[in-house]
Structures are given as structure tokens and as C-alpha cells.
């Protein structure tokens, strides 16, 4: 292949999570269990919301069903490849597959950030502007907000992917992670990436930080609006699940993407947390703390 801006590297070698056969076998069993739990938990929420009319017509649960779909998609971008790599000695991924994985990872990840922000706004309107809730968060508006979340993720990922694809890769080709993502891949480019890194970090920081500020502002406004201790306690109980999910997702993402592309020893562990663990825990967090969802799940189980 040619030089210049053309890609010479045709495949990347993924570092993976373990180099020993015993370690890989043990991790395969563990992560396969996590992946099954992710599918079961999120599918159960989606089926429950779709089956129960009163949940499907409620904005909070309609958005929760969409969040579960995003979690399924997000986990499925990286986990199947990770499981396959536990079974082989050479962990290879072609250049094209790498760029596709990177693209969908950022589409779904950014869409989830936007959707979590929409869910926080939904709770703000429900608690602080309850008289206008049915008109402000009707089904049409909810659908528009969900579509806007996906479109925002698409725009963000397109920017990240285009900037990455236009970089020349001529070796080395060892990606120090278990999947293709912007920070480790961009280190392999055969050119100075300082300006590109600034653009990418600025893009990611703008999205993650602005969404996080809106989230915090929404919950702060809720607590300020409610004066009584009993009311605040009820509000925290209602929003507690969402706050836990936000912390689990935004914390690792801000740590990885809102800083210059330097490497830390905990980066792989952080990547595991938001790629594998968080999508698995979200259904547990929402169902264990929500009596209405648990009751609806029992009804769906009885129907089956």
C-alpha cells in the first residue's frame, strides 16, 4: 500500500486482559456470565415496559426501556470480541473492524450520555413542574428527545471517527487495550497527533461535561425546590437509582475521555467498568429500588 496519508497497518494486535491460558479461561467464564446477565436484565426491563401499558405510557419508564436497549447495544460492541479473544492466542482485529467498533462505541456511548441527561430533565419536570408534566413530557416529545440523543451520538462519533481514519498508521500496531477506542489507537499513528488530540478531547469533554452539569443542575434544583425533609427524602429515593447509574457511567467516561491521551495503569480496569459492568448493573439498580418495576416484572413472569 502507498505512503502519506494512506493506511499501511492492516490489522491491530489487542493487548487483552490476560496473557496466561488459565487466566484467560477464568476471565472467559466470568465475562460470559456478566454478558448473559446484561442480556437477561436489560431484555427483561424492555419486555416489561413494552408489555405493561401503564409503564409504556409513562415517560420515565419509556426512557428506561430505551436506556436498557442502549446498554445492550453498548455492551455488545466490545464484549463478544473480548470473549472470542479469551479463546485464541493472537488477539487480532482488522483495521476496518477496528474503525467500525470505534464508531459504534462512540455513537452508543454518547447517545447514552444524552439519554441520561433527558432522564434527569424528566425527573426535574415531574417533581418541580408537576402541573406541566403531562404536556412537557408527552409521548411525542419523549420520542423526539430519544431520536435527538441518537443523532447527537452519531454526530459526535462521526467527528471522532473521521479524525482517526485520516491519520496514517504504519506501525507499531499493538493496541494497549481489549477493544478499539480513540485514546489507545491514536497513539499508534505515524504523525504528530497533538492538534488532533486537542480536538478530540475538546469534543468529548464538551459532551460529557455539559451533560454532567445539566444532570447536577437538575438534581440540585429538585433539592432546592423541595423544602421539607420528607419531600427531599422521597425525591432522593425516586432519583437515587438514576444518580447511581449516572455516577457509574459518567465517572469512568470523564476519566478516560476528558483528559489528554496519556496512559494510566488503571485505564483497562476503568474501561471494563463502563463497557461491561455498568450495562450489567443498570437493570439491577433500577429494579431493586423500584417497587413498580418489580411488580410489573412479576406480572410479566406470571403471563409467561
C-alpha atoms as a PDB file:
ATOM      1  CA  UNK A   1       0.000   0.000   0.000  1.00  0.00           C
ATOM      2  CA  UNK A   2       1.064   3.586  -0.506  1.00  0.00           C
ATOM      3  CA  UNK A   3       2.583   6.021   1.953  1.00  0.00           C
ATOM      4  CA  UNK A   4       1.492   9.506   3.001  1.00  0.00           C
ATOM      5  CA  UNK A   5      -1.994   9.620   4.404  1.00  0.00           C
ATOM      6  CA  UNK A   6      -2.792   6.052   3.338  1.00  0.00           C
ATOM      7  CA  UNK A   7      -3.034   3.364   6.000  1.00  0.00           C
ATOM      8  CA  UNK A   8      -0.198   0.800   5.945  1.00  0.00           C
ATOM      9  CA  UNK A   9      -1.269  -1.134   9.034  1.00  0.00           C
ATOM     10  CA  UNK A  10      -3.943  -3.646   8.023  1.00  0.00           C
ATOM     11  CA  UNK A  11      -4.662  -5.083  11.470  1.00  0.00           C
ATOM     12  CA  UNK A  12      -4.121  -4.269  15.122  1.00  0.00           C
ATOM     13  CA  UNK A  13      -2.995  -6.567  17.922  1.00  0.00           C
ATOM     14  CA  UNK A  14      -5.117  -6.142  21.041  1.00  0.00           C
ATOM     15  CA  UNK A  15      -3.329  -6.451  24.381  1.00  0.00           C
ATOM     16  CA  UNK A  16      -6.320  -8.105  26.049  1.00  0.00           C
ATOM     17  CA  UNK A  17      -6.790  -8.564  29.788  1.00  0.00           C
ATOM     18  CA  UNK A  18      -4.631 -11.629  30.425  1.00  0.00           C
ATOM     19  CA  UNK A  19      -1.758 -13.435  28.755  1.00  0.00           C
ATOM     20  CA  UNK A  20      -1.921 -16.788  30.588  1.00  0.00           C
ATOM     21  CA  UNK A  21      -4.209 -19.649  29.441  1.00  0.00           C
ATOM     22  CA  UNK A  22      -5.580 -20.204  32.950  1.00  0.00           C
ATOM     23  CA  UNK A  23      -6.247 -16.512  33.424  1.00  0.00           C
ATOM     24  CA  UNK A  24      -7.999 -16.254  30.065  1.00  0.00           C
ATOM     25  CA  UNK A  25     -10.166 -19.304  30.781  1.00  0.00           C
ATOM     26  CA  UNK A  26     -11.239 -17.896  34.128  1.00  0.00           C
ATOM     27  CA  UNK A  27     -11.960 -14.458  32.647  1.00  0.00           C
ATOM     28  CA  UNK A  28     -13.941 -16.030  29.811  1.00  0.00           C
ATOM     29  CA  UNK A  29     -16.292 -17.727  32.286  1.00  0.00           C
ATOM     30  CA  UNK A  30     -16.611 -14.554  34.382  1.00  0.00           C
ATOM     31  CA  UNK A  31     -17.262 -12.186  31.482  1.00  0.00           C
ATOM     32  CA  UNK A  32     -19.602 -14.630  29.755  1.00  0.00           C
ATOM     33  CA  UNK A  33     -21.630 -14.684  32.978  1.00  0.00           C
ATOM     34  CA  UNK A  34     -21.616 -10.867  33.045  1.00  0.00           C
ATOM     35  CA  UNK A  35     -22.754 -10.722  29.402  1.00  0.00           C
ATOM     36  CA  UNK A  36     -25.605 -13.171  29.979  1.00  0.00           C
ATOM     37  CA  UNK A  37     -26.747 -11.141  32.996  1.00  0.00           C
ATOM     38  CA  UNK A  38     -26.599  -7.980  30.875  1.00  0.00           C
ATOM     39  CA  UNK A  39     -28.859  -9.517  28.229  1.00  0.00           C
ATOM     40  CA  UNK A  40     -31.304 -11.049  30.705  1.00  0.00           C
ATOM     41  CA  UNK A  41     -31.619  -7.938  32.867  1.00  0.00           C
ATOM     42  CA  UNK A  42     -31.968  -5.410  30.070  1.00  0.00           C
ATOM     43  CA  UNK A  43     -34.276  -7.589  27.961  1.00  0.00           C
ATOM     44  CA  UNK A  44     -36.483  -8.132  30.990  1.00  0.00           C
ATOM     45  CA  UNK A  45     -36.824  -4.375  31.506  1.00  0.00           C
ATOM     46  CA  UNK A  46     -37.545  -3.793  27.815  1.00  0.00           C
ATOM     47  CA  UNK A  47     -40.187  -6.542  27.698  1.00  0.00           C
ATOM     48  CA  UNK A  48     -41.753  -5.341  30.959  1.00  0.00           C
ATOM     49  CA  UNK A  49     -42.018  -1.739  29.789  1.00  0.00           C
ATOM     50  CA  UNK A  50     -43.400  -2.800  26.405  1.00  0.00           C
ATOM     51  CA  UNK A  51     -45.909  -5.267  27.909  1.00  0.00           C
ATOM     52  CA  UNK A  52     -47.350  -3.123  30.676  1.00  0.00           C
ATOM     53  CA  UNK A  53     -49.483  -0.293  29.243  1.00  0.00           C
ATOM     54  CA  UNK A  54     -49.161   1.976  32.299  1.00  0.00           C
ATOM     55  CA  UNK A  55     -45.356   1.717  32.188  1.00  0.00           C
ATOM     56  CA  UNK A  56     -45.127   2.165  28.430  1.00  0.00           C
ATOM     57  CA  UNK A  57     -47.216   5.339  28.630  1.00  0.00           C
ATOM     58  CA  UNK A  58     -45.137   6.812  31.471  1.00  0.00           C
ATOM     59  CA  UNK A  59     -42.195   8.932  30.233  1.00  0.00           C
ATOM     60  CA  UNK A  60     -39.799   7.746  32.956  1.00  0.00           C
ATOM     61  CA  UNK A  61     -40.294   4.068  32.082  1.00  0.00           C
ATOM     62  CA  UNK A  62     -40.386   4.705  28.341  1.00  0.00           C
ATOM     63  CA  UNK A  63     -36.948   6.335  28.696  1.00  0.00           C
ATOM     64  CA  UNK A  64     -35.800   3.480  30.946  1.00  0.00           C
ATOM     65  CA  UNK A  65     -36.715   0.972  28.238  1.00  0.00           C
ATOM     66  CA  UNK A  66     -34.634   2.939  25.745  1.00  0.00           C
ATOM     67  CA  UNK A  67     -31.745   3.077  28.206  1.00  0.00           C
ATOM     68  CA  UNK A  68     -31.848  -0.721  28.520  1.00  0.00           C
ATOM     69  CA  UNK A  69     -31.706  -1.034  24.725  1.00  0.00           C
ATOM     70  CA  UNK A  70     -28.664   1.273  24.657  1.00  0.00           C
ATOM     71  CA  UNK A  71     -26.977  -0.748  27.408  1.00  0.00           C
ATOM     72  CA  UNK A  72     -27.497  -3.947  25.412  1.00  0.00           C
ATOM     73  CA  UNK A  73     -26.034  -2.357  22.292  1.00  0.00           C
ATOM     74  CA  UNK A  74     -23.147  -0.760  24.169  1.00  0.00           C
ATOM     75  CA  UNK A  75     -22.080  -3.987  25.828  1.00  0.00           C
ATOM     76  CA  UNK A  76     -22.422  -5.894  22.545  1.00  0.00           C
ATOM     77  CA  UNK A  77     -19.971  -3.597  20.742  1.00  0.00           C
ATOM     78  CA  UNK A  78     -16.984  -4.888  22.754  1.00  0.00           C
ATOM     79  CA  UNK A  79     -17.903  -7.949  24.849  1.00  0.00           C
ATOM     80  CA  UNK A  80     -18.391 -10.589  22.084  1.00  0.00           C
ATOM     81  CA  UNK A  81     -14.965  -9.780  20.635  1.00  0.00           C
ATOM     82  CA  UNK A  82     -13.467  -9.829  24.138  1.00  0.00           C
ATOM     83  CA  UNK A  83     -14.957 -13.282  24.800  1.00  0.00           C
ATOM     84  CA  UNK A  84     -13.633 -14.597  21.475  1.00  0.00           C
ATOM     85  CA  UNK A  85     -10.151 -13.259  22.233  1.00  0.00           C
ATOM     86  CA  UNK A  86     -10.074 -15.170  25.526  1.00  0.00           C
ATOM     87  CA  UNK A  87     -10.192 -18.372  23.427  1.00  0.00           C
ATOM     88  CA  UNK A  88      -7.395 -17.540  20.964  1.00  0.00           C
ATOM     89  CA  UNK A  89      -3.693 -16.890  21.323  1.00  0.00           C
ATOM     90  CA  UNK A  90      -3.433 -13.957  18.897  1.00  0.00           C
ATOM     91  CA  UNK A  91      -5.926 -11.167  19.576  1.00  0.00           C
ATOM     92  CA  UNK A  92      -6.179  -9.539  16.155  1.00  0.00           C
ATOM     93  CA  UNK A  93      -8.653  -7.065  14.712  1.00  0.00           C
ATOM     94  CA  UNK A  94      -8.551  -5.724  11.166  1.00  0.00           C
ATOM     95  CA  UNK A  95      -8.209  -2.007  10.525  1.00  0.00           C
ATOM     96  CA  UNK A  96     -11.748  -1.806   9.134  1.00  0.00           C
ATOM     97  CA  UNK A  97     -13.281  -3.734  12.045  1.00  0.00           C
ATOM     98  CA  UNK A  98     -11.363  -1.535  14.456  1.00  0.00           C
ATOM     99  CA  UNK A  99     -12.783   1.666  12.953  1.00  0.00           C
ATOM    100  CA  UNK A 100     -16.308   0.182  12.926  1.00  0.00           C
ATOM    101  CA  UNK A 101     -16.031  -0.818  16.576  1.00  0.00           C
ATOM    102  CA  UNK A 102     -14.712   2.625  17.472  1.00  0.00           C
ATOM    103  CA  UNK A 103     -17.548   4.307  15.581  1.00  0.00           C
ATOM    104  CA  UNK A 104     -20.387   2.342  17.197  1.00  0.00           C
ATOM    105  CA  UNK A 105     -18.785   2.565  20.642  1.00  0.00           C
ATOM    106  CA  UNK A 106     -18.957   6.368  20.476  1.00  0.00           C
ATOM    107  CA  UNK A 107     -22.378   6.515  18.804  1.00  0.00           C
ATOM    108  CA  UNK A 108     -23.984   4.463  21.560  1.00  0.00           C
ATOM    109  CA  UNK A 109     -21.870   5.860  24.399  1.00  0.00           C
ATOM    110  CA  UNK A 110     -22.680   9.482  23.547  1.00  0.00           C
ATOM    111  CA  UNK A 111     -26.341   8.620  22.926  1.00  0.00           C
ATOM    112  CA  UNK A 112     -26.494   7.114  26.418  1.00  0.00           C
ATOM    113  CA  UNK A 113     -24.992  10.271  27.905  1.00  0.00           C
ATOM    114  CA  UNK A 114     -27.642  12.388  26.190  1.00  0.00           C
ATOM    115  CA  UNK A 115     -30.418   9.988  27.234  1.00  0.00           C
ATOM    116  CA  UNK A 116     -29.320  10.021  30.879  1.00  0.00           C
ATOM    117  CA  UNK A 117     -29.465  13.820  30.695  1.00  0.00           C
ATOM    118  CA  UNK A 118     -33.002  13.619  29.271  1.00  0.00           C
ATOM    119  CA  UNK A 119     -33.975  11.285  32.124  1.00  0.00           C
ATOM    120  CA  UNK A 120     -32.665  13.801  34.668  1.00  0.00           C
ATOM    121  CA  UNK A 121     -34.694  16.546  32.982  1.00  0.00           C
ATOM    122  CA  UNK A 122     -37.744  14.275  33.113  1.00  0.00           C
ATOM    123  CA  UNK A 123     -37.358  13.909  36.898  1.00  0.00           C
ATOM    124  CA  UNK A 124     -36.888  17.683  37.247  1.00  0.00           C
ATOM    125  CA  UNK A 125     -40.110  18.412  35.366  1.00  0.00           C
ATOM    126  CA  UNK A 126     -42.018  15.666  37.226  1.00  0.00           C
ATOM    127  CA  UNK A 127     -41.018  16.984  40.658  1.00  0.00           C
ATOM    128  CA  UNK A 128     -40.541  20.731  40.181  1.00  0.00           C
ATOM    129  CA  UNK A 129     -43.109  21.430  37.449  1.00  0.00           C
ATOM    130  CA  UNK A 130     -45.614  18.671  38.065  1.00  0.00           C
ATOM    131  CA  UNK A 131     -48.590  20.682  36.782  1.00  0.00           C
ATOM    132  CA  UNK A 132     -46.989  20.921  33.343  1.00  0.00           C
ATOM    133  CA  UNK A 133     -45.518  17.411  33.300  1.00  0.00           C
ATOM    134  CA  UNK A 134     -48.073  15.739  31.023  1.00  0.00           C
ATOM    135  CA  UNK A 135     -47.705  18.447  28.375  1.00  0.00           C
ATOM    136  CA  UNK A 136     -43.958  18.976  28.700  1.00  0.00           C
ATOM    137  CA  UNK A 137     -43.049  15.265  28.601  1.00  0.00           C
ATOM    138  CA  UNK A 138     -45.738  13.796  26.351  1.00  0.00           C
ATOM    139  CA  UNK A 139     -45.010  10.805  24.110  1.00  0.00           C
ATOM    140  CA  UNK A 140     -44.182  12.870  21.022  1.00  0.00           C
ATOM    141  CA  UNK A 141     -41.624  14.959  22.917  1.00  0.00           C
ATOM    142  CA  UNK A 142     -40.115  11.845  24.518  1.00  0.00           C
ATOM    143  CA  UNK A 143     -39.694  10.237  21.083  1.00  0.00           C
ATOM    144  CA  UNK A 144     -38.078  13.401  19.735  1.00  0.00           C
ATOM    145  CA  UNK A 145     -35.664  13.509  22.694  1.00  0.00           C
ATOM    146  CA  UNK A 146     -34.704   9.846  22.205  1.00  0.00           C
ATOM    147  CA  UNK A 147     -34.090  10.406  18.483  1.00  0.00           C
ATOM    148  CA  UNK A 148     -32.113  13.574  19.300  1.00  0.00           C
ATOM    149  CA  UNK A 149     -29.951  11.524  21.698  1.00  0.00           C
ATOM    150  CA  UNK A 150     -29.129   9.063  18.908  1.00  0.00           C
ATOM    151  CA  UNK A 151     -28.444  11.885  16.449  1.00  0.00           C
ATOM    152  CA  UNK A 152     -26.167  13.606  18.954  1.00  0.00           C
ATOM    153  CA  UNK A 153     -24.248  10.362  19.392  1.00  0.00           C
ATOM    154  CA  UNK A 154     -23.988   9.947  15.624  1.00  0.00           C
ATOM    155  CA  UNK A 155     -22.578  13.449  15.125  1.00  0.00           C
ATOM    156  CA  UNK A 156     -20.093  13.028  17.982  1.00  0.00           C
ATOM    157  CA  UNK A 157     -18.902   9.635  16.742  1.00  0.00           C
ATOM    158  CA  UNK A 158     -18.629  10.818  13.141  1.00  0.00           C
ATOM    159  CA  UNK A 159     -16.260  13.584  14.235  1.00  0.00           C
ATOM    160  CA  UNK A 160     -14.144  11.183  16.311  1.00  0.00           C
ATOM    161  CA  UNK A 161     -14.026   8.529  13.573  1.00  0.00           C
ATOM    162  CA  UNK A 162     -13.194  10.912  10.720  1.00  0.00           C
ATOM    163  CA  UNK A 163     -10.322  12.424  12.703  1.00  0.00           C
ATOM    164  CA  UNK A 164      -8.991   8.923  13.437  1.00  0.00           C
ATOM    165  CA  UNK A 165      -9.419   7.490   9.931  1.00  0.00           C
ATOM    166  CA  UNK A 166      -7.444  10.349   8.383  1.00  0.00           C
ATOM    167  CA  UNK A 167      -4.375   9.530  10.478  1.00  0.00           C
ATOM    168  CA  UNK A 168      -1.571   7.438   8.899  1.00  0.00           C
ATOM    169  CA  UNK A 169      -0.858   4.097  10.619  1.00  0.00           C
ATOM    170  CA  UNK A 170       2.422   2.481   9.586  1.00  0.00           C
ATOM    171  CA  UNK A 171       3.438   0.648  12.779  1.00  0.00           C
ATOM    172  CA  UNK A 172       3.601  -0.298  15.582  1.00  0.00           C
ATOM    173  CA  UNK A 173       0.182  -1.904  15.638  1.00  0.00           C
ATOM    174  CA  UNK A 174      -0.235  -3.083  19.261  1.00  0.00           C
ATOM    175  CA  UNK A 175      -3.349  -1.568  20.853  1.00  0.00           C
ATOM    176  CA  UNK A 176      -2.846  -1.491  24.621  1.00  0.00           C
ATOM    177  CA  UNK A 177      -6.466  -2.367  25.416  1.00  0.00           C
ATOM    178  CA  UNK A 178      -9.029  -5.129  24.802  1.00  0.00           C
ATOM    179  CA  UNK A 179     -11.007  -3.142  22.206  1.00  0.00           C
ATOM    180  CA  UNK A 180     -10.505  -0.312  19.721  1.00  0.00           C
ATOM    181  CA  UNK A 181     -11.012   3.144  21.170  1.00  0.00           C
ATOM    182  CA  UNK A 182      -9.713   6.576  20.275  1.00  0.00           C
ATOM    183  CA  UNK A 183      -7.097   7.096  23.047  1.00  0.00           C
ATOM    184  CA  UNK A 184      -5.075   3.885  22.505  1.00  0.00           C
ATOM    185  CA  UNK A 185      -5.496   3.807  18.697  1.00  0.00           C
ATOM    186  CA  UNK A 186      -4.417   7.389  18.134  1.00  0.00           C
ATOM    187  CA  UNK A 187      -1.108   6.652  19.903  1.00  0.00           C
ATOM    188  CA  UNK A 188      -0.237   4.298  17.040  1.00  0.00           C
ATOM    189  CA  UNK A 189      -0.401   6.994  14.350  1.00  0.00           C
ATOM    190  CA  UNK A 190       2.807   7.755  12.465  1.00  0.00           C
ATOM    191  CA  UNK A 191       2.498  11.514  12.838  1.00  0.00           C
ATOM    192  CA  UNK A 192       2.234  14.247  15.434  1.00  0.00           C
ATOM    193  CA  UNK A 193      -1.301  13.958  16.873  1.00  0.00           C
ATOM    194  CA  UNK A 194      -1.195  16.881  19.311  1.00  0.00           C
ATOM    195  CA  UNK A 195      -3.753  19.014  17.460  1.00  0.00           C
ATOM    196  CA  UNK A 196      -5.990  16.016  16.739  1.00  0.00           C
ATOM    197  CA  UNK A 197      -5.858  15.017  20.406  1.00  0.00           C
ATOM    198  CA  UNK A 198      -6.894  18.518  21.449  1.00  0.00           C
ATOM    199  CA  UNK A 199      -9.830  18.448  19.036  1.00  0.00           C
ATOM    200  CA  UNK A 200     -10.946  15.008  20.207  1.00  0.00           C
ATOM    201  CA  UNK A 201     -10.560  15.762  23.902  1.00  0.00           C
ATOM    202  CA  UNK A 202     -12.407  19.058  23.433  1.00  0.00           C
ATOM    203  CA  UNK A 203     -15.234  17.280  21.631  1.00  0.00           C
ATOM    204  CA  UNK A 204     -15.531  14.552  24.287  1.00  0.00           C
ATOM    205  CA  UNK A 205     -15.089  16.962  27.187  1.00  0.00           C
ATOM    206  CA  UNK A 206     -17.777  19.285  25.840  1.00  0.00           C
ATOM    207  CA  UNK A 207     -20.320  16.467  25.673  1.00  0.00           C
ATOM    208  CA  UNK A 208     -19.501  14.693  28.941  1.00  0.00           C
ATOM    209  CA  UNK A 209     -19.010  17.850  30.999  1.00  0.00           C
ATOM    210  CA  UNK A 210     -22.052  19.718  29.650  1.00  0.00           C
ATOM    211  CA  UNK A 211     -24.307  16.672  30.166  1.00  0.00           C
ATOM    212  CA  UNK A 212     -22.926  16.197  33.658  1.00  0.00           C
ATOM    213  CA  UNK A 213     -23.524  19.878  34.517  1.00  0.00           C
ATOM    214  CA  UNK A 214     -27.135  19.623  33.307  1.00  0.00           C
ATOM    215  CA  UNK A 215     -27.592  16.472  35.400  1.00  0.00           C
ATOM    216  CA  UNK A 216     -26.197  18.034  38.556  1.00  0.00           C
ATOM    217  CA  UNK A 217     -28.184  21.223  37.952  1.00  0.00           C
ATOM    218  CA  UNK A 218     -31.407  19.236  37.575  1.00  0.00           C
ATOM    219  CA  UNK A 219     -30.971  17.366  40.848  1.00  0.00           C
ATOM    220  CA  UNK A 220     -29.766  20.479  42.674  1.00  0.00           C
ATOM    221  CA  UNK A 221     -32.875  22.313  41.506  1.00  0.00           C
ATOM    222  CA  UNK A 222     -35.020  19.428  42.763  1.00  0.00           C
ATOM    223  CA  UNK A 223     -33.456  19.553  46.227  1.00  0.00           C
ATOM    224  CA  UNK A 224     -33.679  23.354  46.399  1.00  0.00           C
ATOM    225  CA  UNK A 225     -37.293  23.337  45.258  1.00  0.00           C
ATOM    226  CA  UNK A 226     -38.372  20.862  47.935  1.00  0.00           C
ATOM    227  CA  UNK A 227     -38.053  22.348  51.403  1.00  0.00           C
ATOM    228  CA  UNK A 228     -39.378  19.614  53.673  1.00  0.00           C
ATOM    229  CA  UNK A 229     -37.129  16.774  54.841  1.00  0.00           C
ATOM    230  CA  UNK A 230     -39.804  14.241  53.988  1.00  0.00           C
ATOM    231  CA  UNK A 231     -40.143  15.648  50.475  1.00  0.00           C
ATOM    232  CA  UNK A 232     -36.382  15.640  49.910  1.00  0.00           C
ATOM    233  CA  UNK A 233     -36.144  12.099  51.213  1.00  0.00           C
ATOM    234  CA  UNK A 234     -38.858  10.992  48.785  1.00  0.00           C
ATOM    235  CA  UNK A 235     -37.195  12.861  45.904  1.00  0.00           C
ATOM    236  CA  UNK A 236     -33.823  11.257  46.652  1.00  0.00           C
ATOM    237  CA  UNK A 237     -35.490   7.858  46.814  1.00  0.00           C
ATOM    238  CA  UNK A 238     -37.112   8.457  43.433  1.00  0.00           C
ATOM    239  CA  UNK A 239     -33.926   9.776  41.802  1.00  0.00           C
ATOM    240  CA  UNK A 240     -31.451   7.594  43.706  1.00  0.00           C
ATOM    241  CA  UNK A 241     -31.316   4.883  41.050  1.00  0.00           C
ATOM    242  CA  UNK A 242     -30.654   7.414  38.326  1.00  0.00           C
ATOM    243  CA  UNK A 243     -27.897   9.094  40.360  1.00  0.00           C
ATOM    244  CA  UNK A 244     -26.166   5.732  40.859  1.00  0.00           C
ATOM    245  CA  UNK A 245     -26.301   4.966  37.133  1.00  0.00           C
ATOM    246  CA  UNK A 246     -25.031   8.444  36.265  1.00  0.00           C
ATOM    247  CA  UNK A 247     -22.098   8.051  38.651  1.00  0.00           C
ATOM    248  CA  UNK A 248     -21.197   4.599  37.299  1.00  0.00           C
ATOM    249  CA  UNK A 249     -21.293   5.770  33.673  1.00  0.00           C
ATOM    250  CA  UNK A 250     -20.087   9.371  33.714  1.00  0.00           C
ATOM    251  CA  UNK A 251     -17.257   8.889  36.216  1.00  0.00           C
ATOM    252  CA  UNK A 252     -15.224   6.418  34.116  1.00  0.00           C
ATOM    253  CA  UNK A 253     -16.084   8.182  30.829  1.00  0.00           C
ATOM    254  CA  UNK A 254     -14.894  11.572  32.072  1.00  0.00           C
ATOM    255  CA  UNK A 255     -11.732   9.922  33.447  1.00  0.00           C
ATOM    256  CA  UNK A 256     -10.917   8.306  30.081  1.00  0.00           C
ATOM    257  CA  UNK A 257     -12.073  10.901  27.532  1.00  0.00           C
ATOM    258  CA  UNK A 258     -11.878  14.312  29.229  1.00  0.00           C
ATOM    259  CA  UNK A 259      -8.108  14.307  29.647  1.00  0.00           C
ATOM    260  CA  UNK A 260      -5.101  14.293  27.281  1.00  0.00           C
ATOM    261  CA  UNK A 261      -4.389  10.871  25.844  1.00  0.00           C
ATOM    262  CA  UNK A 262      -1.842   9.769  28.411  1.00  0.00           C
ATOM    263  CA  UNK A 263      -1.804   6.212  29.732  1.00  0.00           C
ATOM    264  CA  UNK A 264      -2.538   5.175  33.308  1.00  0.00           C
ATOM    265  CA  UNK A 265      -2.227   1.704  34.802  1.00  0.00           C
ATOM    266  CA  UNK A 266      -5.926   1.667  35.738  1.00  0.00           C
ATOM    267  CA  UNK A 267      -7.207   2.504  32.233  1.00  0.00           C
ATOM    268  CA  UNK A 268      -8.096  -1.115  31.382  1.00  0.00           C
ATOM    269  CA  UNK A 269      -9.939  -1.576  34.671  1.00  0.00           C
ATOM    270  CA  UNK A 270     -11.870   1.648  34.092  1.00  0.00           C
ATOM    271  CA  UNK A 271     -12.699   0.515  30.544  1.00  0.00           C
ATOM    272  CA  UNK A 272     -14.063  -2.782  31.886  1.00  0.00           C
ATOM    273  CA  UNK A 273     -16.251  -0.895  34.350  1.00  0.00           C
ATOM    274  CA  UNK A 274     -18.153   1.201  31.806  1.00  0.00           C
ATOM    275  CA  UNK A 275     -18.103  -1.303  28.918  1.00  0.00           C
ATOM    276  CA  UNK A 276     -19.079  -4.467  30.794  1.00  0.00           C
ATOM    277  CA  UNK A 277     -20.002  -3.841  34.429  1.00  0.00           C
ATOM    278  CA  UNK A 278     -22.238  -0.765  34.158  1.00  0.00           C
ATOM    279  CA  UNK A 279     -24.585  -2.200  31.457  1.00  0.00           C
ATOM    280  CA  UNK A 280     -24.964  -5.286  33.672  1.00  0.00           C
ATOM    281  CA  UNK A 281     -25.644  -3.338  36.887  1.00  0.00           C
ATOM    282  CA  UNK A 282     -28.132  -0.809  35.470  1.00  0.00           C
ATOM    283  CA  UNK A 283     -31.111  -3.245  35.383  1.00  0.00           C
ATOM    284  CA  UNK A 284     -30.321  -4.411  38.929  1.00  0.00           C
ATOM    285  CA  UNK A 285     -30.121  -0.836  40.215  1.00  0.00           C
ATOM    286  CA  UNK A 286     -33.420   0.186  38.646  1.00  0.00           C
ATOM    287  CA  UNK A 287     -35.367  -2.943  39.591  1.00  0.00           C
ATOM    288  CA  UNK A 288     -34.104  -3.377  43.160  1.00  0.00           C
ATOM    289  CA  UNK A 289     -35.010   0.214  44.063  1.00  0.00           C
ATOM    290  CA  UNK A 290     -38.291   0.451  42.174  1.00  0.00           C
ATOM    291  CA  UNK A 291     -41.362  -1.364  43.535  1.00  0.00           C
ATOM    292  CA  UNK A 292     -43.466  -0.539  40.470  1.00  0.00           C
ATOM    293  CA  UNK A 293     -40.966  -2.136  38.076  1.00  0.00           C
ATOM    294  CA  UNK A 294     -40.610  -5.220  40.284  1.00  0.00           C
ATOM    295  CA  UNK A 295     -44.396  -5.593  40.469  1.00  0.00           C
ATOM    296  CA  UNK A 296     -44.719  -5.260  36.689  1.00  0.00           C
ATOM    297  CA  UNK A 297     -41.963  -7.842  36.179  1.00  0.00           C
ATOM    298  CA  UNK A 298     -43.835 -10.315  38.360  1.00  0.00           C
ATOM    299  CA  UNK A 299     -46.952  -9.839  36.230  1.00  0.00           C
ATOM    300  CA  UNK A 300     -44.962 -10.423  33.033  1.00  0.00           C
ATOM    301  CA  UNK A 301     -43.376 -13.542  34.590  1.00  0.00           C
ATOM    302  CA  UNK A 302     -46.798 -14.927  35.526  1.00  0.00           C
ATOM    303  CA  UNK A 303     -48.061 -14.337  31.973  1.00  0.00           C
ATOM    304  CA  UNK A 304     -45.172 -16.355  30.594  1.00  0.00           C
END
